[in-house]
Amino acid sequence: MSVISPLVCILWLLLSQWISCQYHFPNRTCTSQTVPLLIDVTTEQLETGLERGLFTSVDLVNAYIARIQEVNSTLNVVTEINPDALQIAAELDAERANGSTRGPLHGMPILIKGNIGTADKMSTTAGSFALLGATLPRDSAIAAKLRAAGVVLLGKTNLSQWANFRSNNSTNGWSAYGGQTFGAYFPEQDPSGSSSGSGVASSIGLALASLGTETSGSILSPSQVNNLVGIKPTVGLTSRALVIPISEHQDTVGPMARTVRDAAYLLQAIAGKDPDDNYTLAQPFDSPPDYVGACNYSSLRGKTIGIPRNLIRARANNAPVLAAFEQAVHTIRKAGATVVDDVNITADALDQYRNGNSSIIVLEADFVTDLPKNYLSNLATNPQNVQGLEDVRNFTQDFPPEEYPDRDTGTWDEALALGFDNTSPEFWAAYQTNLRIAGPEGILGVLANYSLDALILPTDFSAGLPALVGTPVVTVPLGFYPSNTTVERNRRGTLVSDGPNFPFGLSFLGPAFSEASLIGYAYAFEQRTMARNQVQPYLVPQVELAQVVGRRKIFK
């Protein structure tokens, strides 16, 4: 067998990029930058390239698949590549050639989390073998909206199994079906969860962007540790129909992208009412606001931003986060905002939030109800015949690849031991506690009582209360841990939980359906800091779009 030398590979890379440029721009001095690099590319750059004929959607799909194949054995990010992706891309290219596009995302490859249902050749498993081979009668509303917007559903990403709602002793980014995902900013980096694969995929350009889901922190946390913008929408802004659920009161679907503007494009495509999810019918508008148009450099000017300081906790290892947060406050003031400090939630709300059990009661009782009602009962085929949580638990405990009992079913055990579901008076009492401590005594009370436009917090502290009351949060890159940070591992020793160059974020919090305002504030901050660019991942795919285009032109 002949072996191609590294020098030949490098020469081939340079030649293919040059040929691609010369083909399209014969009168221009060409560099590989003519076709954008996929780790930094934006929606608008791809749209421009597609419109100008620099490349096709088929080229994009081929490039992204090659990038996935290059790093997936190391980072374990993508569990499914859509076998129809190339055909779909070709059909979308044909539409564009005929002068028709479905919108700004036409022909753009996007990855979605493995709990978002699709009625195609891909599996929807939430990382569990209990659902492998199960099929749906139709796409989830989210997948259908993406297709209608011209998106190429490139594949599905790994996640913390069951969206991190199975075990008391598992790890972020692990699922029985998908294995262990790692972040790309340090070897064996904890990717956070539960939208782990979506976070890592977007961070290193395995697709233009990705979708995650959140019940409490599952978009925000993996977005910040993977140096991304994450939008956790208001519960009811995006449909959850045929998305594997945890809690109808807290679940939401949102974008994870490298820029605020890219995240806004994706949110624009998936927001809106859906008769199959009655929470969306409470939207206070017939059509969603213009989230892309909200990206205005001056958005912070004249706004009043609050800091609920008693939600921020100093820890032994978060001094860099707190220092960067104080610098962010300075930046926001310079952008024209008034910042009001110490707009704190009540002492009782803080105690209930940190020490009470109402939040877990709501999730457990919802899961017992919602899993069979909103998902399992809607399956077209169900090979393992799992009809409810007890069936899923029995399968998990009996099927060796699920790694039970090493990874327990403690969360499910507690949910089934409750003895009630979300129709009971006991549930209602816990839910009302959540609404009180996050609402009038919590962040909603603070926003109203101080006449604030938004709150800011380090993303480490931003997810919990908005989760309880279903309100939106946008996280944006803020900074990185120093290069001399001590490496610490998780309790299993399988992931690096803290280490050099780990990213962290800043969150903007607001009342229900205030996404457009929050996007504007996040964009104004992002454009002034560009913090994402300060550190690069340790592992970046080397396959680039220019190579794919160049090869196509050579062998055409």
Protein backbone atom coordinates (compact mmCIF):
# COMPACT_ATOMS: atom_id res chain seq x y z
CA MET A 1 0.00 0.00 0.00
CA SER A 2 1.40 3.40 -0.97
CA VAL A 3 1.56 6.14 1.64
CA ILE A 4 0.95 9.77 0.68
CA SER A 5 3.51 12.02 2.29
CA PRO A 6 2.44 14.98 4.46
CA LEU A 7 4.12 17.33 1.98
CA VAL A 8 1.94 16.04 -0.87
CA CYS A 9 -1.16 16.52 1.30
CA ILE A 10 -0.20 20.11 2.07
CA LEU A 11 0.51 20.86 -1.58
CA TRP A 12 -2.83 19.33 -2.56
CA LEU A 13 -4.60 21.49 0.02
CA LEU A 14 -2.98 24.69 -1.23
CA LEU A 15 -3.54 23.80 -4.87
CA SER A 16 -7.20 22.94 -4.41
CA GLN A 17 -7.88 26.19 -2.58
CA TRP A 18 -6.07 28.20 -5.29
CA ILE A 19 -7.91 26.44 -8.12
CA SER A 20 -11.25 27.11 -6.46
CA CYS A 21 -10.49 30.81 -6.26
CA GLN A 22 -9.09 31.05 -9.80
CA TYR A 23 -12.15 29.31 -11.21
CA HIS A 24 -14.45 31.93 -9.76
CA PHE A 25 -12.14 34.97 -9.78
CA PRO A 26 -9.72 34.67 -12.74
CA ASN A 27 -8.73 38.35 -12.53
CA ARG A 28 -8.11 38.44 -8.78
CA THR A 29 -5.07 37.57 -6.67
CA CYS A 30 -6.39 34.53 -4.89
CA THR A 31 -5.99 33.25 -1.35
CA SER A 32 -7.84 30.54 0.50
CA GLN A 33 -9.76 33.29 2.31
CA THR A 34 -11.92 33.86 -0.81
CA VAL A 35 -13.97 30.90 0.34
CA PRO A 36 -14.60 31.42 4.07
CA LEU A 37 -13.14 29.28 6.85
CA LEU A 38 -15.85 27.18 8.43
CA ILE A 39 -14.84 27.70 12.05
CA ASP A 40 -15.68 31.41 11.75
CA VAL A 41 -18.14 31.59 8.88
CA THR A 42 -21.44 33.41 9.40
CA THR A 43 -24.89 32.94 7.93
CA GLU A 44 -24.50 36.04 5.80
CA GLN A 45 -21.11 34.96 4.45
CA LEU A 46 -22.52 31.59 3.43
CA GLU A 47 -25.59 33.20 1.91
CA THR A 48 -23.39 35.56 -0.12
CA GLY A 49 -21.17 32.71 -1.29
CA LEU A 50 -24.14 30.63 -2.35
CA GLU A 51 -25.74 33.54 -4.19
CA ARG A 52 -22.48 34.37 -6.00
CA GLY A 53 -21.91 30.74 -6.96
CA LEU A 54 -18.66 30.41 -5.04
CA PHE A 55 -19.91 27.09 -3.71
CA THR A 56 -23.09 25.06 -3.45
CA SER A 57 -25.09 23.60 -0.61
CA VAL A 58 -23.82 20.19 -1.71
CA ASP A 59 -20.29 21.53 -1.24
CA LEU A 60 -21.21 22.70 2.25
CA VAL A 61 -22.67 19.33 3.20
CA ASN A 62 -19.62 17.50 1.88
CA ALA A 63 -17.28 19.83 3.76
CA TYR A 64 -19.15 19.55 7.04
CA ILE A 65 -19.42 15.76 6.80
CA ALA A 66 -15.68 15.55 6.18
CA ARG A 67 -15.04 17.77 9.20
CA ILE A 68 -17.28 15.59 11.36
CA GLN A 69 -15.50 12.45 10.21
CA GLU A 70 -12.14 14.05 10.92
CA VAL A 71 -12.76 14.77 14.61
CA ASN A 72 -15.66 12.59 15.68
CA SER A 73 -13.51 9.67 16.81
CA THR A 74 -11.80 12.05 19.25
CA LEU A 75 -14.64 14.28 20.41
CA ASN A 76 -17.65 12.00 19.84
CA VAL A 77 -20.00 14.82 18.92
CA VAL A 78 -22.36 13.60 16.18
CA THR A 79 -24.40 10.40 16.50
CA GLU A 80 -26.27 10.55 13.20
CA ILE A 81 -25.39 11.97 9.79
CA ASN A 82 -28.51 12.35 7.71
CA PRO A 83 -28.17 9.89 4.81
CA ASP A 84 -30.44 12.16 2.75
CA ALA A 85 -28.44 15.34 3.42
CA LEU A 86 -26.70 15.44 0.03
CA GLN A 87 -29.93 14.82 -1.86
CA ILE A 88 -31.71 17.54 0.12
CA ALA A 89 -28.83 19.93 -0.52
CA ALA A 90 -28.96 19.19 -4.26
CA GLU A 91 -32.69 19.91 -4.33
CA LEU A 92 -32.12 23.20 -2.52
CA ASP A 93 -29.32 24.08 -4.95
CA ALA A 94 -31.73 23.45 -7.81
CA GLU A 95 -34.30 25.76 -6.22
CA ARG A 96 -31.66 28.47 -5.91
CA ALA A 97 -30.56 27.98 -9.52
CA ASN A 98 -34.17 28.50 -10.56
CA GLY A 99 -34.24 31.84 -8.73
CA SER A 100 -36.15 30.68 -5.67
CA THR A 101 -34.96 30.60 -2.07
CA ARG A 102 -36.91 29.93 1.10
CA GLY A 103 -35.09 32.51 3.20
CA PRO A 104 -31.64 33.37 4.58
CA LEU A 105 -31.05 29.81 5.81
CA HIS A 106 -31.70 28.26 2.40
CA GLY A 107 -29.21 25.44 1.87
CA MET A 108 -27.49 25.89 5.26
CA PRO A 109 -26.48 22.69 7.11
CA ILE A 110 -27.62 22.66 10.74
CA LEU A 111 -27.18 19.97 13.41
CA ILE A 112 -29.93 19.24 15.93
CA LYS A 113 -29.87 17.62 19.33
CA GLY A 114 -30.66 13.91 19.49
CA ASN A 115 -33.96 14.40 21.33
CA ILE A 116 -35.58 16.48 18.57
CA GLY A 117 -37.86 14.25 16.55
CA THR A 118 -37.57 13.70 12.81
CA ALA A 119 -39.60 11.44 10.55
CA ASP A 120 -36.71 10.40 8.34
CA LYS A 121 -33.88 7.87 8.31
CA MET A 122 -32.27 9.32 11.46
CA SER A 123 -32.95 8.00 14.94
CA THR A 124 -34.39 10.07 17.75
CA THR A 125 -33.13 8.40 20.91
CA ALA A 126 -32.27 10.95 23.63
CA GLY A 127 -29.14 8.80 23.82
CA SER A 128 -30.99 5.66 24.91
CA PHE A 129 -31.21 2.25 23.28
CA ALA A 130 -34.79 2.09 24.57
CA LEU A 131 -35.80 4.35 21.67
CA LEU A 132 -33.44 3.06 18.99
CA GLY A 133 -35.53 2.02 16.01
CA ALA A 134 -38.64 3.84 17.21
CA THR A 135 -40.18 6.04 14.52
CA LEU A 136 -42.45 9.06 14.41
CA PRO A 137 -45.48 9.69 12.20
CA ARG A 138 -44.21 13.17 11.28
CA ASP A 139 -41.42 15.61 12.00
CA SER A 140 -41.38 17.58 15.19
CA ALA A 141 -42.66 21.10 14.59
CA ILE A 142 -39.09 22.37 15.02
CA ALA A 143 -37.71 20.06 12.33
CA ALA A 144 -40.60 20.93 10.01
CA LYS A 145 -39.93 24.65 10.46
CA LEU A 146 -36.25 24.16 9.69
CA ARG A 147 -37.03 22.26 6.51
CA ALA A 148 -39.55 24.93 5.47
CA ALA A 149 -36.82 27.54 5.95
CA GLY A 150 -34.56 25.63 3.56
CA VAL A 151 -32.25 24.20 6.20
CA VAL A 152 -30.37 20.98 5.47
CA LEU A 153 -30.79 18.81 8.56
CA LEU A 154 -27.23 17.54 8.55
CA GLY A 155 -27.46 15.19 11.49
CA LYS A 156 -28.03 14.77 15.21
CA THR A 157 -25.73 15.45 18.10
CA ASN A 158 -24.95 13.50 21.23
CA LEU A 159 -26.33 14.68 24.54
CA SER A 160 -26.29 13.92 28.22
CA GLN A 161 -28.64 10.95 28.17
CA TRP A 162 -32.31 11.78 28.51
CA ALA A 163 -31.26 15.45 28.62
CA ASN A 164 -29.45 14.76 31.90
CA PHE A 165 -32.55 13.34 33.56
CA ARG A 166 -31.71 9.75 34.37
CA SER A 167 -28.78 9.41 36.76
CA ASN A 168 -27.41 10.95 39.91
CA ASN A 169 -23.89 9.77 39.06
CA SER A 170 -23.42 10.08 35.29
CA THR A 171 -21.38 12.67 33.36
CA ASN A 172 -22.12 15.61 31.11
CA GLY A 173 -22.19 14.56 27.48
CA TRP A 174 -22.48 10.81 28.08
CA SER A 175 -25.21 8.65 26.61
CA ALA A 176 -25.41 4.91 26.16
CA TYR A 177 -26.15 5.32 22.46
CA GLY A 178 -23.64 8.10 21.74
CA GLY A 179 -20.82 7.53 24.21
CA GLN A 180 -18.87 10.37 25.84
CA THR A 181 -18.63 13.76 24.15
CA PHE A 182 -15.60 15.97 24.87
CA GLY A 183 -15.14 19.71 24.47
CA ALA A 184 -12.57 21.13 22.06
CA TYR A 185 -10.83 23.74 24.25
CA PHE A 186 -8.78 21.26 26.27
CA PRO A 187 -8.15 17.51 25.94
CA GLU A 188 -10.99 15.57 27.61
CA GLN A 189 -12.79 18.83 28.43
CA ASP A 190 -16.17 18.50 30.13
CA PRO A 191 -18.55 19.74 27.40
CA SER A 192 -21.29 20.51 29.91
CA GLY A 193 -24.83 19.46 29.11
CA SER A 194 -27.24 18.40 28.28
CA SER A 195 -26.86 19.89 24.77
CA SER A 196 -23.25 18.76 24.76
CA GLY A 197 -22.77 17.68 21.16
CA SER A 198 -24.61 20.71 19.84
CA GLY A 199 -22.26 22.96 21.77
CA VAL A 200 -19.04 21.30 20.63
CA ALA A 201 -20.25 20.99 17.03
CA SER A 202 -20.97 24.68 16.69
CA SER A 203 -17.76 25.68 18.47
CA ILE A 204 -15.48 24.08 15.85
CA GLY A 205 -17.61 24.47 12.72
CA LEU A 206 -19.13 21.04 12.19
CA ALA A 207 -22.22 22.88 10.92
CA LEU A 208 -23.22 26.51 10.59
CA ALA A 209 -24.97 26.26 13.96
CA SER A 210 -26.99 23.82 16.03
CA LEU A 211 -30.13 23.44 18.10
CA GLY A 212 -30.24 22.46 21.74
CA THR A 213 -32.96 22.05 24.30
CA GLU A 214 -33.14 23.41 27.82
CA THR A 215 -35.05 22.54 30.95
CA SER A 216 -32.61 24.24 33.32
CA GLY A 217 -29.23 25.22 31.90
CA SER A 218 -28.94 22.74 29.03
CA ILE A 219 -28.46 25.41 26.35
CA LEU A 220 -26.84 28.08 28.47
CA SER A 221 -24.18 25.97 30.16
CA PRO A 222 -22.81 24.09 27.11
CA SER A 223 -22.96 27.35 25.15
CA GLN A 224 -20.73 29.14 27.62
CA VAL A 225 -18.16 26.35 28.04
CA ASN A 226 -17.95 25.93 24.27
CA ASN A 227 -17.50 29.68 23.64
CA LEU A 228 -20.89 30.18 21.99
CA VAL A 229 -23.93 32.37 21.95
CA GLY A 230 -26.90 30.44 23.30
CA ILE A 231 -30.52 31.58 23.35
CA LYS A 232 -32.79 29.93 25.88
CA PRO A 233 -36.22 31.08 24.65
CA THR A 234 -39.32 31.75 26.66
CA VAL A 235 -41.24 28.53 27.27
CA GLY A 236 -43.84 28.70 24.51
CA LEU A 237 -41.85 30.66 21.92
CA THR A 238 -40.65 27.46 20.22
CA SER A 239 -42.71 24.31 19.91
CA ARG A 240 -41.84 21.19 21.91
CA ALA A 241 -44.19 18.91 19.95
CA LEU A 242 -42.39 15.58 19.29
CA VAL A 243 -39.31 16.66 21.19
CA ILE A 244 -38.55 14.06 23.87
CA PRO A 245 -39.67 15.88 27.02
CA ILE A 246 -38.72 16.38 30.62
CA SER A 247 -41.09 19.14 31.69
CA GLU A 248 -43.87 20.87 29.82
CA HIS A 249 -43.48 23.78 32.25
CA GLN A 250 -39.77 24.31 31.60
CA ASP A 251 -38.68 22.68 28.31
CA THR A 252 -37.71 24.93 25.41
CA VAL A 253 -35.74 24.62 22.15
CA GLY A 254 -33.16 27.19 21.10
CA PRO A 255 -30.10 27.98 18.98
CA MET A 256 -26.41 27.58 19.79
CA ALA A 257 -24.19 29.55 17.43
CA ARG A 258 -20.88 31.36 17.17
CA THR A 259 -22.39 34.85 16.86
CA VAL A 260 -25.48 36.60 18.18
CA ARG A 261 -26.65 37.32 14.65
CA ASP A 262 -26.37 33.67 13.58
CA ALA A 263 -28.33 32.61 16.66
CA ALA A 264 -30.97 35.21 15.81
CA TYR A 265 -31.36 33.84 12.27
CA LEU A 266 -31.92 30.36 13.65
CA LEU A 267 -34.38 31.53 16.31
CA GLN A 268 -36.30 33.41 13.61
CA ALA A 269 -36.75 30.14 11.73
CA ILE A 270 -38.06 28.08 14.66
CA ALA A 271 -40.16 30.57 16.66
CA GLY A 272 -43.92 30.71 16.29
CA LYS A 273 -47.22 29.17 17.24
CA ASP A 274 -47.98 25.48 16.89
CA PRO A 275 -51.41 23.96 17.54
CA ASP A 276 -49.70 20.79 18.79
CA ASP A 277 -48.08 22.71 21.66
CA ASN A 278 -50.67 24.83 23.43
CA TYR A 279 -47.99 26.77 25.33
CA THR A 280 -47.09 28.46 22.05
CA LEU A 281 -50.63 29.79 21.70
CA ALA A 282 -49.90 32.19 24.58
CA GLN A 283 -47.45 34.15 22.42
CA PRO A 284 -48.41 37.85 22.59
CA PHE A 285 -47.90 38.32 18.84
CA ASP A 286 -49.26 36.77 15.65
CA SER A 287 -45.77 36.56 14.14
CA PRO A 288 -42.48 36.62 16.07
CA PRO A 289 -40.51 39.88 16.21
CA ASP A 290 -37.58 40.55 13.90
CA TYR A 291 -34.79 38.94 15.91
CA VAL A 292 -32.14 39.58 13.26
CA GLY A 293 -33.16 43.21 13.01
CA ALA A 294 -32.73 43.47 16.79
CA CYS A 295 -28.96 43.11 16.33
CA ASN A 296 -28.15 46.80 16.76
CA TYR A 297 -24.82 48.17 18.01
CA SER A 298 -26.65 50.87 19.99
CA SER A 299 -29.14 48.57 21.71
CA LEU A 300 -27.76 49.21 25.21
CA ARG A 301 -27.97 53.01 24.93
CA GLY A 302 -30.49 54.43 27.40
CA LYS A 303 -31.32 51.04 28.94
CA THR A 304 -31.35 50.21 32.63
CA ILE A 305 -29.64 46.95 33.50
CA GLY A 306 -29.70 45.34 36.96
CA ILE A 307 -27.37 43.01 38.83
CA PRO A 308 -29.03 40.65 41.34
CA ARG A 309 -25.80 40.40 43.26
CA ASN A 310 -27.03 37.87 45.83
CA LEU A 311 -27.31 35.23 43.09
CA ILE A 312 -23.55 35.40 42.44
CA ARG A 313 -21.38 33.19 44.62
CA ALA A 314 -17.64 33.53 44.92
CA ARG A 315 -15.93 30.14 44.70
CA ALA A 316 -12.36 28.98 44.99
CA ASN A 317 -11.95 28.66 41.23
CA ASN A 318 -14.15 31.38 39.71
CA ALA A 319 -12.12 34.53 40.36
CA PRO A 320 -11.41 34.97 36.61
CA VAL A 321 -15.15 34.82 35.89
CA LEU A 322 -15.99 37.43 38.52
CA ALA A 323 -13.19 39.74 37.35
CA ALA A 324 -14.36 39.49 33.74
CA PHE A 325 -17.93 40.16 34.89
CA GLU A 326 -16.90 43.43 36.52
CA GLN A 327 -15.17 44.44 33.31
CA ALA A 328 -18.37 43.59 31.43
CA VAL A 329 -20.31 45.93 33.70
CA HIS A 330 -17.88 48.69 32.74
CA THR A 331 -18.34 47.88 29.03
CA ILE A 332 -22.12 47.98 29.35
CA ARG A 333 -21.98 51.36 31.06
CA LYS A 334 -19.70 52.72 28.32
CA ALA A 335 -22.26 51.49 25.78
CA GLY A 336 -24.75 53.94 27.25
CA ALA A 337 -26.65 51.82 29.77
CA THR A 338 -27.34 52.61 33.40
CA VAL A 339 -26.31 49.68 35.60
CA VAL A 340 -28.08 49.30 38.94
CA ASP A 341 -26.27 47.02 41.38
CA ASP A 342 -27.65 44.94 44.26
CA VAL A 343 -31.17 44.57 42.88
CA ASN A 344 -31.51 41.40 44.90
CA ILE A 345 -34.18 38.74 45.12
CA THR A 346 -35.78 38.29 48.55
CA ALA A 347 -34.00 36.33 51.26
CA ASP A 348 -36.83 33.79 51.38
CA ALA A 349 -36.73 33.26 47.63
CA LEU A 350 -32.97 32.82 47.77
CA ASP A 351 -33.27 30.25 50.56
CA GLN A 352 -36.03 28.32 48.77
CA TYR A 353 -34.07 28.42 45.52
CA ARG A 354 -30.88 27.07 47.06
CA ASN A 355 -32.30 24.71 49.68
CA GLY A 356 -35.88 23.86 48.73
CA ASN A 357 -37.13 20.87 46.74
CA SER A 358 -39.99 22.36 44.72
CA SER A 359 -37.93 22.57 41.53
CA ILE A 360 -37.08 18.86 41.41
CA ILE A 361 -40.63 17.86 42.37
CA VAL A 362 -41.98 19.77 39.36
CA LEU A 363 -39.51 18.13 36.98
CA GLU A 364 -40.07 14.62 38.31
CA ALA A 365 -43.86 14.86 38.27
CA ASP A 366 -43.83 16.43 34.81
CA PHE A 367 -41.56 13.71 33.44
CA VAL A 368 -43.78 10.91 34.76
CA THR A 369 -46.70 12.51 32.90
CA ASP A 370 -45.13 14.08 29.85
CA LEU A 371 -42.90 11.26 28.61
CA PRO A 372 -45.79 8.90 27.81
CA LYS A 373 -48.40 11.56 27.02
CA ASN A 374 -46.37 13.87 24.81
CA TYR A 375 -43.94 11.46 23.19
CA LEU A 376 -44.15 7.70 23.67
CA SER A 377 -47.87 7.52 22.90
CA ASN A 378 -47.22 9.34 19.61
CA LEU A 379 -44.64 6.91 18.24
CA ALA A 380 -45.49 5.21 14.96
CA THR A 381 -43.33 2.21 15.87
CA ASN A 382 -41.98 1.32 19.31
CA PRO A 383 -39.73 -1.77 19.07
CA GLN A 384 -39.03 -1.99 22.81
CA ASN A 385 -42.69 -1.31 23.66
CA VAL A 386 -41.81 1.28 26.28
CA GLN A 387 -45.09 2.90 27.28
CA GLY A 388 -44.00 4.95 30.26
CA LEU A 389 -41.18 5.76 32.64
CA GLU A 390 -41.33 2.45 34.47
CA ASP A 391 -40.90 0.56 31.18
CA VAL A 392 -37.96 2.78 30.25
CA ARG A 393 -36.35 2.20 33.64
CA ASN A 394 -36.82 -1.57 33.39
CA PHE A 395 -35.25 -1.64 29.94
CA THR A 396 -32.35 0.53 31.06
CA GLN A 397 -31.60 -1.63 34.07
CA ASP A 398 -31.75 -4.84 32.02
CA PHE A 399 -29.82 -3.81 28.88
CA PRO A 400 -26.05 -3.98 29.51
CA PRO A 401 -24.97 -1.20 27.07
CA GLU A 402 -26.94 1.23 29.25
CA GLU A 403 -24.19 0.74 31.87
CA TYR A 404 -26.54 0.22 34.79
CA PRO A 405 -25.85 0.13 37.72
CA ASP A 406 -22.53 1.92 37.20
CA ARG A 407 -24.66 4.79 35.94
CA ASP A 408 -27.76 4.63 38.08
CA THR A 409 -31.40 5.51 37.44
CA GLY A 410 -31.63 7.59 40.59
CA THR A 411 -33.59 10.46 39.06
CA TRP A 412 -36.21 8.10 37.69
CA ASP A 413 -36.35 6.14 40.93
CA GLU A 414 -37.17 9.34 42.78
CA ALA A 415 -39.75 10.39 40.18
CA LEU A 416 -41.58 7.07 40.35
CA ALA A 417 -41.40 7.09 44.16
CA LEU A 418 -43.22 10.44 44.30
CA GLY A 419 -46.51 8.66 43.92
CA PHE A 420 -48.11 11.52 41.97
CA ASP A 421 -47.91 13.28 38.63
CA ASN A 422 -48.47 16.83 37.42
CA THR A 423 -52.25 16.61 37.80
CA SER A 424 -52.12 16.30 41.59
CA PRO A 425 -52.50 18.97 44.31
CA GLU A 426 -48.99 18.14 45.58
CA PHE A 427 -47.58 19.08 42.20
CA TRP A 428 -49.53 22.32 42.09
CA ALA A 429 -48.16 23.42 45.45
CA ALA A 430 -44.57 22.86 44.30
CA TYR A 431 -45.20 24.64 41.01
CA GLN A 432 -46.69 27.65 42.78
CA THR A 433 -43.60 27.82 44.98
CA ASN A 434 -41.44 27.91 41.84
CA LEU A 435 -43.50 30.72 40.36
CA ARG A 436 -43.28 32.73 43.58
CA ILE A 437 -39.54 32.46 44.18
CA ALA A 438 -38.66 33.16 40.54
CA GLY A 439 -41.53 35.59 39.94
CA PRO A 440 -42.64 38.33 42.34
CA GLU A 441 -39.95 37.50 44.92
CA GLY A 442 -37.35 36.68 42.29
CA ILE A 443 -36.15 37.97 38.95
CA LEU A 444 -39.55 39.14 37.66
CA GLY A 445 -40.13 41.13 40.82
CA VAL A 446 -36.68 42.69 40.55
CA LEU A 447 -37.27 43.65 36.90
CA ALA A 448 -40.61 45.27 37.73
CA ASN A 449 -39.76 46.90 41.06
CA TYR A 450 -36.64 48.63 39.74
CA SER A 451 -38.05 49.39 36.27
CA LEU A 452 -35.25 47.44 34.64
CA ASP A 453 -34.91 46.46 31.00
CA ALA A 454 -32.83 43.36 31.78
CA LEU A 455 -30.58 41.68 34.31
CA ILE A 456 -27.00 40.51 33.83
CA LEU A 457 -25.22 37.62 35.54
CA PRO A 458 -22.24 35.39 34.89
CA THR A 459 -23.75 32.50 32.97
CA ASP A 460 -22.75 30.13 35.78
CA PHE A 461 -25.55 31.72 37.83
CA SER A 462 -28.14 32.61 35.21
CA ALA A 463 -30.12 29.46 34.42
CA GLY A 464 -31.96 28.38 37.56
CA LEU A 465 -34.57 31.04 38.26
CA PRO A 466 -35.52 31.71 34.62
CA ALA A 467 -36.04 27.95 34.28
CA LEU A 468 -38.61 27.94 37.09
CA VAL A 469 -40.69 30.71 35.56
CA GLY A 470 -40.02 29.98 31.86
CA THR A 471 -38.37 33.28 30.94
CA PRO A 472 -35.63 33.88 28.34
CA VAL A 473 -31.86 34.18 28.72
CA VAL A 474 -29.15 34.93 26.15
CA THR A 475 -25.54 34.00 26.91
CA VAL A 476 -22.62 35.49 25.01
CA PRO A 477 -18.87 34.75 25.26
CA LEU A 478 -17.19 36.71 28.05
CA GLY A 479 -13.70 35.25 28.57
CA PHE A 480 -11.47 32.28 29.32
CA TYR A 481 -9.76 30.75 32.31
CA PRO A 482 -6.02 31.58 32.36
CA SER A 483 -3.48 29.27 30.77
CA ASN A 484 -2.06 28.40 34.21
CA THR A 485 -5.39 27.20 35.64
CA THR A 486 -5.05 24.00 37.64
CA VAL A 487 -6.49 20.97 35.88
CA GLU A 488 -9.27 19.31 37.87
CA ARG A 489 -11.20 16.18 36.96
CA ASN A 490 -14.73 15.07 37.65
CA ARG A 491 -15.49 12.45 40.26
CA ARG A 492 -15.24 9.63 37.72
CA GLY A 493 -11.92 10.90 36.46
CA THR A 494 -13.20 10.77 32.89
CA LEU A 495 -13.53 14.50 32.17
CA VAL A 496 -11.52 17.61 32.89
CA SER A 497 -14.04 19.74 34.79
CA ASP A 498 -11.81 22.83 35.13
CA GLY A 499 -8.71 23.75 33.20
CA PRO A 500 -6.75 26.19 31.07
CA ASN A 501 -8.58 28.11 28.34
CA PHE A 502 -12.04 26.98 29.42
CA PRO A 503 -14.52 29.57 28.09
CA PHE A 504 -17.20 31.27 30.20
CA GLY A 505 -20.09 33.58 29.39
CA LEU A 506 -22.23 36.58 30.31
CA SER A 507 -26.02 36.27 30.41
CA PHE A 508 -28.79 38.78 29.76
CA LEU A 509 -32.09 37.91 31.46
CA GLY A 510 -35.51 39.42 30.79
CA PRO A 511 -39.27 38.91 31.15
CA ALA A 512 -41.28 36.52 29.02
CA PHE A 513 -41.03 37.02 25.25
CA SER A 514 -38.32 39.69 25.55
CA GLU A 515 -35.94 37.80 23.24
CA ALA A 516 -35.64 40.64 20.74
CA SER A 517 -34.45 43.05 23.44
CA LEU A 518 -32.05 40.53 24.96
CA ILE A 519 -30.61 39.71 21.54
CA GLY A 520 -30.01 43.41 20.99
CA TYR A 521 -28.18 43.82 24.30
CA ALA A 522 -26.12 40.68 23.70
CA TYR A 523 -25.19 41.86 20.21
CA ALA A 524 -24.13 45.28 21.46
CA PHE A 525 -21.90 43.65 24.07
CA GLU A 526 -20.51 41.07 21.65
CA GLN A 527 -19.54 43.67 19.07
CA ARG A 528 -17.68 45.73 21.66
CA THR A 529 -15.70 42.80 23.09
CA MET A 530 -15.43 40.02 20.46
CA ALA A 531 -14.34 37.82 23.36
CA ARG A 532 -14.86 34.65 21.35
CA ASN A 533 -11.75 35.35 19.30
CA GLN A 534 -9.32 35.55 22.25
CA VAL A 535 -8.61 31.79 22.41
CA GLN A 536 -8.88 29.07 19.77
CA PRO A 537 -9.85 25.43 20.42
CA TYR A 538 -6.99 22.98 20.80
CA LEU A 539 -8.60 20.75 18.15
CA VAL A 540 -9.97 22.22 14.92
CA PRO A 541 -10.86 20.25 11.78
CA GLN A 542 -8.46 20.88 8.91
CA VAL A 543 -10.86 20.13 6.05
CA GLU A 544 -12.10 23.39 4.57
CA LEU A 545 -14.78 24.35 2.09
CA ALA A 546 -12.19 25.57 -0.43
CA GLN A 547 -10.70 22.07 -0.64
CA VAL A 548 -14.09 20.52 -1.36
CA VAL A 549 -14.86 23.09 -4.04
CA GLY A 550 -11.40 22.68 -5.57
CA ARG A 551 -11.71 18.90 -5.79
CA ARG A 552 -15.11 19.20 -7.39
CA LYS A 553 -13.78 21.55 -10.06
CA ILE A 554 -10.79 19.32 -10.80
CA PHE A 555 -12.82 16.15 -11.21
CA LYS A 556 -15.88 17.72 -12.80
